Protein backbone atom coordinates (compact mmCIF):
# COMPACT_ATOMS: atom_id res chain seq x y z
CA THR A 1 0.00 0.00 0.00
CA ALA A 2 2.80 2.40 0.87
CA PHE A 3 4.60 1.58 -2.39
CA TRP A 4 1.48 2.19 -4.50
CA ASN A 5 0.74 5.52 -2.85
CA LEU A 6 4.34 6.69 -3.11
CA ILE A 7 4.23 5.99 -6.85
CA SER A 8 0.79 7.50 -7.51
CA ALA A 9 1.12 10.62 -5.33
CA PRO A 10 3.68 12.40 -7.58
CA LEU A 11 1.53 11.61 -10.62
CA VAL A 12 -1.48 13.29 -9.05
CA ILE A 13 0.47 16.24 -7.65
CA LEU A 14 2.30 16.98 -10.92
CA GLN A 15 -0.29 16.05 -13.56
CA PHE A 16 -3.69 16.72 -12.01
CA PRO A 17 -3.55 20.57 -11.89
CA GLU A 18 -2.36 20.78 -15.50
CA ALA A 19 -4.91 18.25 -16.73
CA LEU A 20 -7.68 20.01 -14.83
CA ARG A 21 -6.73 23.33 -16.41
CA ASP A 22 -6.37 22.00 -19.96
CA GLU A 23 -8.87 19.14 -20.22
CA GLY A 24 -11.39 19.72 -17.43
CA PRO A 25 -13.38 16.52 -16.61
CA VAL A 26 -10.75 14.30 -18.24
CA ALA A 27 -8.50 15.10 -15.27
CA LEU A 28 -10.82 13.04 -13.07
CA LEU A 29 -9.35 9.91 -14.68
CA ILE A 30 -6.07 10.61 -12.89
CA LEU A 31 -7.91 10.34 -9.57
CA ILE A 32 -8.30 6.60 -10.17
CA PHE A 33 -4.79 6.02 -8.85
CA PRO A 34 -5.26 7.71 -5.45
CA LEU A 35 -8.70 6.07 -5.13
CA VAL A 36 -7.11 2.65 -5.59
CA GLY A 37 -4.51 3.67 -3.02
CA LEU A 38 -7.29 4.66 -0.61
CA PHE A 39 -9.03 1.29 -0.93
CA MET A 40 -5.70 -0.46 -0.41
CA LEU A 41 -5.08 1.65 2.69
CA ILE A 42 -8.49 0.74 4.14
CA TRP A 43 -7.80 -2.94 3.45
CA ALA A 44 -4.35 -2.72 5.07
CA ILE A 45 -5.73 -0.98 8.17
CA ARG A 46 -8.48 -3.59 8.60
CA ALA A 47 -5.98 -6.42 8.16
CA THR A 48 -3.69 -4.86 10.76
CA LEU A 49 -6.56 -4.32 13.21
CA ARG A 50 -7.68 -7.92 12.70
CA TRP A 51 -4.16 -9.20 13.42
CA LYS A 52 -3.85 -7.03 16.55
CA LYS A 53 -7.29 -8.10 17.80
CA PHE A 54 -7.15 -11.84 17.11
CA GLY A 55 -3.45 -12.68 16.74
CA GLU A 56 -2.63 -16.20 15.59
CA SER A 57 -5.23 -18.95 15.36
CA THR A 58 -4.36 -22.63 15.19
CA LEU A 59 -6.13 -25.58 13.61
CA GLU A 60 -5.68 -28.80 15.58
CA LEU A 61 -6.55 -31.78 13.40
CA GLN A 62 -8.02 -35.00 14.73
CA THR A 63 -7.84 -36.62 11.28
CA LEU A 64 -4.33 -36.19 9.97
CA PRO A 65 -4.46 -36.20 7.08
CA GLY A 66 -7.98 -35.54 5.88
CA ILE A 67 -9.16 -38.52 3.82
CA LEU A 68 -10.68 -38.50 0.36
CA GLY A 69 -13.95 -40.33 0.73
CA GLY A 70 -13.78 -39.74 4.49
CA ASP A 71 -13.67 -36.82 6.90
CA LEU A 72 -11.68 -33.79 7.91
CA ARG A 73 -12.17 -33.17 11.62
CA GLY A 74 -10.50 -30.91 14.13
CA THR A 75 -10.75 -27.76 16.23
CA ILE A 76 -9.96 -24.13 15.48
CA ASN A 77 -8.46 -22.44 18.53
CA THR A 78 -8.87 -18.66 18.46
CA ARG A 79 -8.11 -15.81 20.84
CA ILE A 80 -11.68 -14.50 20.64
CA LYS A 81 -13.25 -13.65 23.99
CA GLY A 82 -16.89 -14.60 23.89
CA TYR A 83 -18.87 -16.30 21.16
CA PRO A 84 -19.92 -14.73 17.81
CA GLU A 85 -23.69 -14.39 17.88
CA ASP A 86 -24.13 -16.06 14.49
CA GLY A 87 -21.36 -18.63 15.01
CA PHE A 88 -18.71 -19.35 12.39
CA GLN A 89 -18.94 -19.84 8.64
CA LEU A 90 -16.45 -22.53 7.58
CA GLU A 91 -15.47 -23.21 3.98
CA LEU A 92 -13.29 -26.02 2.65
CA THR A 93 -11.88 -25.56 -0.86
CA CYS A 94 -9.71 -27.62 -3.19
CA VAL A 95 -7.77 -25.38 -5.58
CA GLN A 96 -5.22 -25.82 -8.33
CA ARG A 97 -2.73 -23.02 -8.74
CA SER A 98 -1.26 -22.04 -12.08
CA PRO A 99 1.93 -23.91 -13.16
CA GLY A 100 5.09 -22.61 -11.59
CA GLN A 101 3.36 -21.13 -8.53
CA SER A 102 4.32 -22.97 -5.40
CA SER A 103 1.98 -23.77 -2.57
CA PRO A 104 3.88 -23.39 0.69
CA SER A 105 1.88 -24.87 3.52
CA GLU A 106 2.47 -26.29 6.92
CA THR A 107 1.07 -29.71 6.05
CA ALA A 108 2.03 -33.21 6.96
CA SER A 109 2.23 -36.41 4.96
CA PRO A 110 0.06 -39.45 5.66
CA GLY A 111 0.93 -41.30 8.82
CA THR A 112 1.97 -38.29 10.91
CA THR A 113 0.87 -38.41 14.53
CA PRO A 114 -2.63 -36.89 14.94
CA GLY A 115 -2.98 -33.80 17.10
CA ILE A 116 -0.29 -31.67 15.45
CA ARG A 117 -1.32 -28.02 15.20
CA LEU A 118 -1.16 -26.33 11.83
CA GLY A 119 -0.40 -22.62 11.96
CA ARG A 120 -2.33 -19.99 10.05
CA THR A 121 -0.75 -19.48 6.64
CA SER A 122 -0.26 -16.19 4.84
CA ARG A 123 -2.70 -15.15 2.14
CA ARG A 124 -1.61 -15.53 -1.48
CA GLN A 125 -2.86 -13.87 -4.64
CA ASP A 126 -1.89 -16.66 -7.07
CA GLN A 127 -4.10 -17.38 -10.05
CA GLU A 128 -6.03 -20.50 -9.14
CA ARG A 129 -8.96 -22.63 -10.21
CA ILE A 130 -11.42 -23.97 -7.66
CA LEU A 131 -11.94 -27.72 -8.13
CA TRP A 132 -14.34 -28.34 -5.23
CA GLN A 133 -15.87 -26.28 -2.44
CA GLU A 134 -18.16 -26.87 0.52
CA ASN A 135 -19.32 -24.56 3.30
CA ILE A 136 -21.01 -25.17 6.63
CA ARG A 137 -22.23 -22.97 9.48
CA VAL A 138 -21.27 -23.78 13.06
CA ASP A 139 -23.88 -22.28 15.40
CA ALA A 140 -22.86 -20.40 18.53
CA ALA A 141 -24.29 -23.24 20.65
CA GLN A 142 -21.63 -25.60 19.21
CA LEU A 143 -18.70 -23.38 20.22
CA PHE A 144 -16.80 -23.92 23.44
CA GLN A 145 -13.98 -22.46 25.49
CA GLY A 146 -10.55 -23.58 24.31
CA PHE A 147 -7.09 -23.23 25.81
CA GLN A 148 -6.65 -19.64 24.52
CA GLY A 149 -10.16 -18.45 23.72
CA THR A 150 -13.21 -19.50 21.74
CA ALA A 151 -12.84 -22.87 20.01
CA CYS A 152 -14.80 -24.03 16.96
CA PRO A 153 -15.28 -27.69 15.96
CA VAL A 154 -14.54 -28.65 12.35
CA ALA A 155 -16.24 -31.54 10.51
CA PHE A 156 -16.29 -31.89 6.71
CA ALA A 157 -17.19 -34.92 4.59
CA ILE A 158 -14.88 -35.11 1.56
CA PRO A 159 -16.00 -36.82 -1.67
CA ALA A 160 -13.85 -39.70 -2.86
CA ASP A 161 -13.52 -38.32 -6.39
CA CYS A 162 -11.73 -35.11 -5.37
CA ARG A 163 -8.02 -34.58 -6.01
CA PRO A 164 -5.51 -35.03 -3.16
CA THR A 165 -2.89 -32.53 -2.07
CA ASP A 166 -0.16 -32.57 -4.71
CA SER A 167 2.50 -29.86 -4.77
CA THR A 168 3.83 -30.97 -8.17
CA GLU A 169 0.40 -30.38 -9.74
CA GLY A 170 -0.28 -27.26 -7.69
CA VAL A 171 -3.27 -28.87 -5.93
CA SER A 172 -3.87 -27.80 -2.35
CA TRP A 173 -6.70 -27.62 0.16
CA ARG A 174 -7.57 -24.65 2.35
CA MET A 175 -10.15 -23.97 4.99
CA THR A 176 -11.42 -20.51 5.87
CA ALA A 177 -13.23 -19.51 9.05
CA ALA A 178 -15.19 -16.27 9.39
CA GLY A 179 -17.32 -14.81 12.16
CA ALA A 180 -19.18 -11.50 12.58
CA LEU A 181 -18.01 -9.56 15.63
CA PRO A 182 -18.30 -5.95 16.83
CA GLY A 183 -15.68 -3.82 15.08
CA VAL A 184 -13.45 -5.99 12.93
CA ASP A 185 -14.82 -9.40 11.88
CA TYR A 186 -12.85 -12.58 12.44
CA ASP A 187 -11.35 -14.10 9.30
CA SER A 188 -8.68 -16.79 9.13
CA ILE A 189 -7.38 -19.23 6.54
CA PHE A 190 -5.55 -22.56 6.93
CA GLU A 191 -3.94 -24.93 4.47
CA VAL A 192 -4.81 -28.53 5.30
CA PRO A 193 -3.48 -31.90 4.07
CA ILE A 194 -5.97 -34.07 2.18
CA PHE A 195 -4.77 -37.43 0.83
CA LYS A 196 -6.05 -40.69 -0.56
CA THR A 197 -5.25 -43.46 1.93
CA GLU A 198 -6.21 -47.09 2.53
CA ALA A 199 -9.28 -45.85 4.39
CA SER A 200 -10.50 -44.18 1.18
CA HIS A 201 -11.34 -47.59 -0.30
CA THR A 202 -13.74 -48.47 2.51
CA VAL A 203 -16.19 -45.62 1.92
CA VAL A 204 -19.00 -45.19 -0.59
CA GLN A 205 -17.90 -43.37 -3.72
CA ALA A 206 -19.35 -39.90 -4.18
CA GLY A 207 -21.03 -40.77 -7.47
CA ASP A 208 -22.93 -43.69 -5.91
CA ALA A 209 -24.39 -41.45 -3.20
CA LYS A 210 -25.40 -38.52 -5.43
CA GLU A 211 -29.06 -39.42 -5.67
CA ALA A 212 -29.31 -40.02 -1.91
CA SER A 213 -27.60 -36.74 -1.06
CA LEU A 214 -29.95 -34.72 -3.27
CA SER A 215 -33.04 -36.41 -1.88
CA THR A 216 -32.22 -35.39 1.72
CA GLN A 217 -31.56 -31.67 1.18
CA GLU A 218 -33.29 -29.20 3.49
CA PRO A 219 -34.52 -25.76 2.33
CA PRO A 220 -32.12 -22.86 2.99
CA GLN A 221 -33.04 -20.28 5.63
CA GLU A 222 -32.72 -17.35 3.20
CA PRO A 223 -33.22 -18.68 -0.35
CA THR A 224 -32.21 -16.46 -3.26
CA LEU A 225 -34.91 -17.87 -5.55
CA ARG A 226 -38.65 -18.39 -5.32
CA VAL A 227 -40.42 -21.75 -5.47
CA SER A 228 -44.21 -21.77 -5.77
CA ARG A 229 -46.85 -24.36 -6.57
CA THR A 230 -49.80 -23.20 -8.62
CA GLU A 231 -52.39 -24.68 -10.98
CA GLU A 232 -49.88 -24.11 -13.76
CA GLY A 233 -47.36 -26.37 -12.03
CA THR A 234 -44.30 -26.03 -9.80
CA ILE A 235 -42.50 -22.78 -10.62
CA PHE A 236 -38.82 -22.14 -9.92
CA TYR A 237 -38.01 -18.47 -10.46
CA PHE A 238 -34.42 -17.21 -10.42
CA PRO A 239 -34.57 -13.39 -10.13
CA ALA A 240 -31.95 -10.94 -11.32
CA ALA A 241 -29.26 -9.59 -8.97
CA ARG A 242 -29.43 -12.64 -6.69
CA ASN A 243 -25.75 -12.23 -5.79
CA LYS A 244 -25.61 -8.53 -4.97
CA GLY A 245 -22.13 -8.75 -3.44
CA ALA A 246 -20.60 -10.22 -6.59
CA ALA A 247 -22.63 -7.87 -8.80
CA LEU A 248 -21.49 -4.80 -6.87
CA GLY A 249 -17.88 -5.99 -6.89
CA LEU A 250 -17.92 -6.56 -10.64
CA THR A 251 -19.63 -3.20 -11.19
CA ALA A 252 -16.94 -1.42 -9.16
CA PHE A 253 -14.26 -3.22 -11.17
CA LEU A 254 -16.00 -2.18 -14.40
CA VAL A 255 -15.93 1.47 -13.31
CA LEU A 256 -12.24 1.20 -12.47
CA TRP A 257 -11.41 -0.59 -15.72
CA SER A 258 -13.42 1.93 -17.77
CA GLY A 259 -11.42 4.70 -16.11
CA VAL A 260 -8.19 3.02 -17.18
CA VAL A 261 -9.51 2.70 -20.74
CA GLY A 262 -10.44 6.36 -20.77
CA LEU A 263 -6.99 7.26 -19.49
CA LEU A 264 -5.37 5.20 -22.28
CA PHE A 265 -7.35 7.12 -24.88
CA TYR A 266 -6.58 10.44 -23.18
CA LEU A 267 -2.84 9.70 -23.11
CA ASP A 268 -3.00 8.54 -26.75
CA ALA A 269 -1.60 5.11 -25.88
CA PRO A 270 -0.67 2.70 -28.72
CA LEU A 271 -3.69 1.55 -30.71
CA LEU A 272 -3.21 -2.11 -29.72
CA PHE A 273 -3.55 -1.26 -26.01
CA GLN A 274 -6.63 0.84 -26.68
CA VAL A 275 -8.34 -1.92 -28.67
CA VAL A 276 -7.49 -4.74 -26.24
CA PHE A 277 -8.49 -2.84 -23.10
CA ALA A 278 -11.65 -1.50 -24.74
CA GLY A 279 -12.58 -5.04 -25.84
CA PHE A 280 -12.30 -6.35 -22.29
CA ASP A 281 -14.30 -3.35 -21.12
CA VAL A 282 -17.17 -4.42 -23.38
CA LEU A 283 -17.02 -7.98 -22.00
CA PHE A 284 -17.06 -6.73 -18.41
CA PHE A 285 -19.99 -4.45 -19.27
CA LEU A 286 -22.00 -7.37 -20.69
CA ALA A 287 -21.18 -9.48 -17.62
CA VAL A 288 -22.43 -6.70 -15.32
CA LEU A 289 -25.65 -6.39 -17.33
CA SER A 290 -26.11 -10.15 -17.09
CA MET A 291 -25.72 -10.19 -13.31
CA TRP A 292 -28.13 -7.30 -12.80
CA GLY A 293 -30.67 -8.06 -15.53
CA ARG A 294 -30.83 -11.79 -16.33
CA THR A 295 -33.67 -13.95 -15.01
CA SER A 296 -34.72 -17.55 -15.60
CA LYS A 297 -37.82 -19.59 -14.80
CA LEU A 298 -38.56 -23.28 -14.80
CA VAL A 299 -42.16 -24.51 -14.82
CA VAL A 300 -42.63 -28.22 -14.16
CA GLN A 301 -46.05 -29.40 -15.34
CA SER A 302 -47.60 -32.85 -15.30
CA GLU A 303 -46.16 -33.90 -18.67
CA THR A 304 -43.92 -31.06 -19.85
CA VAL A 305 -41.23 -28.69 -18.58
CA LYS A 306 -40.89 -25.07 -19.71
CA VAL A 307 -37.54 -23.30 -19.40
CA SER A 308 -37.51 -19.56 -20.03
CA ARG A 309 -34.60 -17.13 -19.89
CA ARG A 310 -34.90 -13.37 -20.09
CA PHE A 311 -32.30 -10.64 -20.36
CA LEU A 312 -33.49 -7.05 -19.89
CA GLY A 313 -37.01 -8.13 -20.81
CA PHE A 314 -36.07 -10.14 -23.91
CA GLY A 315 -35.76 -13.90 -23.99
CA SER A 316 -37.01 -17.27 -25.17
CA VAL A 317 -39.02 -20.25 -23.91
CA ARG A 318 -38.14 -23.90 -24.45
CA GLU A 319 -40.57 -26.74 -23.80
CA LEU A 320 -39.55 -30.36 -23.11
CA SER A 321 -41.42 -33.52 -22.25
CA HIS A 322 -40.59 -35.45 -19.08
CA ASP A 323 -39.39 -38.38 -21.17
CA VAL A 324 -36.49 -36.33 -22.54
CA ILE A 325 -35.13 -35.49 -19.07
CA VAL A 326 -33.03 -38.18 -17.37
CA GLY A 327 -31.74 -36.27 -14.36
CA VAL A 328 -30.98 -33.03 -12.53
CA GLU A 329 -27.43 -32.14 -11.52
CA VAL A 330 -25.47 -29.38 -9.82
CA LYS A 331 -22.54 -28.16 -11.92
CA ARG A 332 -19.77 -25.68 -11.19
CA GLY A 333 -20.50 -22.17 -12.45
CA MET A 334 -18.41 -19.03 -12.45
CA GLN A 335 -15.52 -18.41 -10.07
CA ALA A 336 -15.17 -14.99 -8.46
CA GLY A 337 -12.05 -14.69 -6.32
CA ARG A 338 -12.18 -17.33 -3.59
CA LYS A 339 -15.84 -18.13 -4.23
CA LEU A 340 -17.27 -20.80 -6.52
CA TYR A 341 -20.83 -20.51 -7.81
CA TYR A 342 -23.07 -23.32 -9.00
CA ASN A 343 -25.50 -24.04 -11.83
CA VAL A 344 -28.51 -26.35 -11.76
CA VAL A 345 -28.90 -28.19 -15.07
CA LEU A 346 -31.31 -30.67 -16.61
CA ILE A 347 -29.62 -33.71 -18.18
CA THR A 348 -31.38 -34.86 -21.36
CA ARG A 349 -31.23 -38.16 -23.23
CA ASP A 350 -28.86 -36.70 -25.82
CA SER A 351 -26.53 -35.71 -22.93
CA ARG A 352 -26.97 -32.00 -23.61
CA PRO A 353 -27.31 -30.13 -20.31
CA ILE A 354 -29.90 -27.35 -20.09
CA THR A 355 -29.12 -24.73 -17.46
CA VAL A 356 -32.22 -23.72 -15.52
CA GLY A 357 -30.53 -21.66 -12.79
CA ASN A 358 -27.02 -20.25 -12.85
CA ASN A 359 -24.53 -18.72 -10.41
CA ILE A 360 -26.11 -19.91 -7.16
CA GLN A 361 -23.81 -18.85 -4.35
CA ASP A 362 -24.62 -21.55 -1.79
CA LYS A 363 -23.93 -25.13 -2.84
CA ARG A 364 -26.50 -26.46 -0.38
CA GLU A 365 -29.15 -24.19 -1.89
CA ALA A 366 -28.24 -25.44 -5.36
CA GLU A 367 -28.57 -29.05 -4.17
CA TRP A 368 -31.89 -28.23 -2.52
CA VAL A 369 -33.19 -26.72 -5.79
CA ALA A 370 -32.06 -29.82 -7.70
CA SER A 371 -33.84 -32.08 -5.22
CA GLU A 372 -37.06 -30.03 -5.47
CA ILE A 373 -36.95 -30.22 -9.26
CA GLN A 374 -36.49 -33.99 -9.05
CA LYS A 375 -39.52 -34.26 -6.75
CA ALA A 376 -41.61 -32.12 -9.11
CA LEU A 377 -40.62 -34.27 -12.08
CA ALA A 378 -41.50 -37.43 -10.15
CA GLY A 379 -44.99 -36.03 -9.55
């Protein structure tokens, strides 16, 4: 943050008055640099306050390593005094970093004595692809007093078809823990070892249990879509702007990127840079419009299914018979930073998936929607 502001401050001090005098509103483009510096400063201050308030947290694993097709269990020991009112939100993610980017982590190989504590690792900004992700909420009633403060139990079931920790392939597993507290919220991240062991062969494969897992899903407390049952049939409506956080973040990025494009044109940058940056600006603009203005609706009737998609009021309707549909699945959708979104798709006899709801933030909600569609199709 200090480096960025030291670089951008002279630019603003030397160029802004002249640009304001000669070009007027165009000078506002130069303010992008100090604005970025301001956001970085706010982020740095919050990170520092979080470190001073919570210090180091440790993850003590009971299952070392975590087992593909088994469990990851343990306890997060924090320095928090008192319990977060809404408990903790835990998220376990399998990621693959780009080639050549190492994954330093305080992990252990299979067979290490259980009970070793894994320290909190530093955050990294590597380019990475999320392969699998699951999140759970630990209520305040499940928390207890640990040896240094509030302790949170950890329990994840890991599918057998996931990829194990592999530094040569850039595959690693991380777990994040977040809790809302007065002032600065708690937020910590751990890298954890997940391997395939002899115990992996004794559990049911994930694919065999897919139907059972979907059939036992419970409705989310705050669903982002609407399910209604009318004389027309069972209606699943996916409104626009369901993920306001992601939409606002992408909109802010679009504004920043558009400012950079404007600055390139103002500074008469090489034509190639202008064309490339402007092209990406158009793509980001369309993505923002999609997040704010795209809706979809699925109507399951006694013999047919109607899938309609609309974008800013325009769209199309597709009608299928029940005989064409062989299943409902949850697929990975877009990835935004550390978050993976999910799509609910209909699988047809010709193996062509039809997306009925996209970019659902909560995997459990996506699985619940898929289970409700299955029930509606079954009558």
